[in-house]
Amino acid sequence: MRLDKFLKVSRLIKRRTLAKEVSDQGRISINGIQAKASSNVKVGDVLSIRFGQKLVTVRIDGLQETTRKEEAQELYSILKEENAGTEVGKD
């Protein structure tokens, strides 16, 4: 599945066009490698997404073409969130 579509379906980013812009700005990496919107993602990949001063690291747990809002968070697990130099681990 394309990175921009996964970000939209999982609701990590609300719109696919915004997901494409964020990806093309170099603010997302897959398994430590800078990613483009057209990059393919698979179950088990680790995404690092920079939202301004916040860095969120998630692991992909599932892929679906569409999902309901209530089920979207089941597609990923938050591994950690870093905010302006501080780190908060999530297990």
Protein backbone atom coordinates (compact mmCIF):
# COMPACT_ATOMS: atom_id res chain seq x y z
CA MET A 1 0.00 0.00 0.00
CA ARG A 2 1.21 3.51 -0.75
CA LEU A 3 2.42 5.55 2.22
CA ASP A 4 0.05 8.47 1.59
CA LYS A 5 -2.96 6.14 1.40
CA PHE A 6 -1.97 4.33 4.63
CA LEU A 7 -1.62 7.65 6.48
CA LYS A 8 -5.12 8.66 5.38
CA VAL A 9 -6.79 5.27 6.05
CA SER A 10 -5.16 5.01 9.49
CA ARG A 11 -6.11 8.64 10.16
CA LEU A 12 -2.58 9.55 11.26
CA ILE A 13 -3.04 12.37 8.73
CA LYS A 14 -6.61 13.32 7.82
CA ARG A 15 -6.30 14.03 4.09
CA ARG A 16 -4.34 12.17 1.44
CA THR A 17 -3.20 15.41 -0.21
CA LEU A 18 -1.77 16.58 3.11
CA ALA A 19 -0.10 13.17 3.61
CA LYS A 20 1.50 13.56 0.17
CA GLU A 21 2.78 17.05 1.00
CA VAL A 22 4.25 15.95 4.35
CA SER A 23 5.92 12.95 2.70
CA ASP A 24 7.37 15.00 -0.15
CA GLN A 25 8.80 17.50 2.37
CA GLY A 26 10.95 14.70 3.82
CA ARG A 27 9.19 14.63 7.19
CA ILE A 28 8.43 10.87 7.13
CA SER A 29 10.81 7.91 7.22
CA ILE A 30 10.12 4.19 6.86
CA ASN A 31 12.51 1.97 8.83
CA GLY A 32 14.97 4.89 9.07
CA ILE A 33 14.94 5.70 5.33
CA GLN A 34 13.38 8.93 4.09
CA ALA A 35 10.13 8.14 2.29
CA LYS A 36 8.08 9.62 -0.53
CA ALA A 37 4.29 9.53 -0.80
CA SER A 38 4.53 6.71 -3.36
CA SER A 39 6.71 4.51 -1.10
CA ASN A 40 5.18 1.12 -0.29
CA VAL A 41 4.53 0.17 3.32
CA LYS A 42 3.90 -3.29 4.78
CA VAL A 43 2.94 -4.78 8.13
CA GLY A 44 5.85 -4.48 10.56
CA ASP A 45 7.33 -1.30 9.06
CA VAL A 46 8.24 1.48 11.51
CA LEU A 47 7.23 5.01 10.49
CA SER A 48 8.69 8.19 11.98
CA ILE A 49 6.51 11.22 11.30
CA ARG A 50 7.50 14.79 12.19
CA PHE A 51 4.56 17.09 13.03
CA GLY A 52 6.21 20.47 13.71
CA GLN A 53 8.16 20.00 16.95
CA LYS A 54 6.66 16.56 17.60
CA LEU A 55 8.16 13.28 16.33
CA VAL A 56 5.84 10.27 16.42
CA THR A 57 7.12 6.73 15.80
CA VAL A 58 4.56 4.05 14.95
CA ARG A 59 4.65 0.40 13.87
CA ILE A 60 2.22 -0.75 11.17
CA ASP A 61 0.07 -3.59 12.54
CA GLY A 62 -2.39 -3.95 9.66
CA LEU A 63 -3.29 -2.73 6.19
CA GLN A 64 -6.82 -2.12 4.90
CA GLU A 65 -8.16 -0.31 1.85
CA THR A 66 -10.82 1.41 3.96
CA THR A 67 -11.63 1.51 7.65
CA ARG A 68 -14.11 3.06 10.04
CA LYS A 69 -12.96 5.78 12.38
CA GLU A 70 -13.28 3.50 15.41
CA GLU A 71 -11.06 0.82 13.81
CA ALA A 72 -8.36 3.12 12.40
CA GLN A 73 -6.13 2.97 15.50
CA GLU A 74 -5.94 -0.82 15.20
CA LEU A 75 -3.80 -0.40 12.07
CA TYR A 76 -0.80 0.92 14.02
CA SER A 77 0.86 1.00 17.44
CA ILE A 78 2.53 4.12 18.81
CA LEU A 79 6.06 3.20 19.85
CA LYS A 80 7.14 6.63 21.09
CA GLU A 81 6.44 10.33 20.92
CA GLU A 82 9.18 12.92 21.21
CA ASN A 83 8.34 16.55 21.84
CA ALA A 84 11.04 19.27 21.57
CA GLY A 85 13.83 17.15 23.02
CA THR A 86 11.79 15.11 25.50
CA GLU A 87 10.80 11.51 24.90
CA VAL A 88 7.70 9.67 26.05
CA GLY A 89 7.79 5.88 25.54
CA LYS A 90 4.62 3.96 24.76
CA ASP A 91 4.43 0.18 25.07
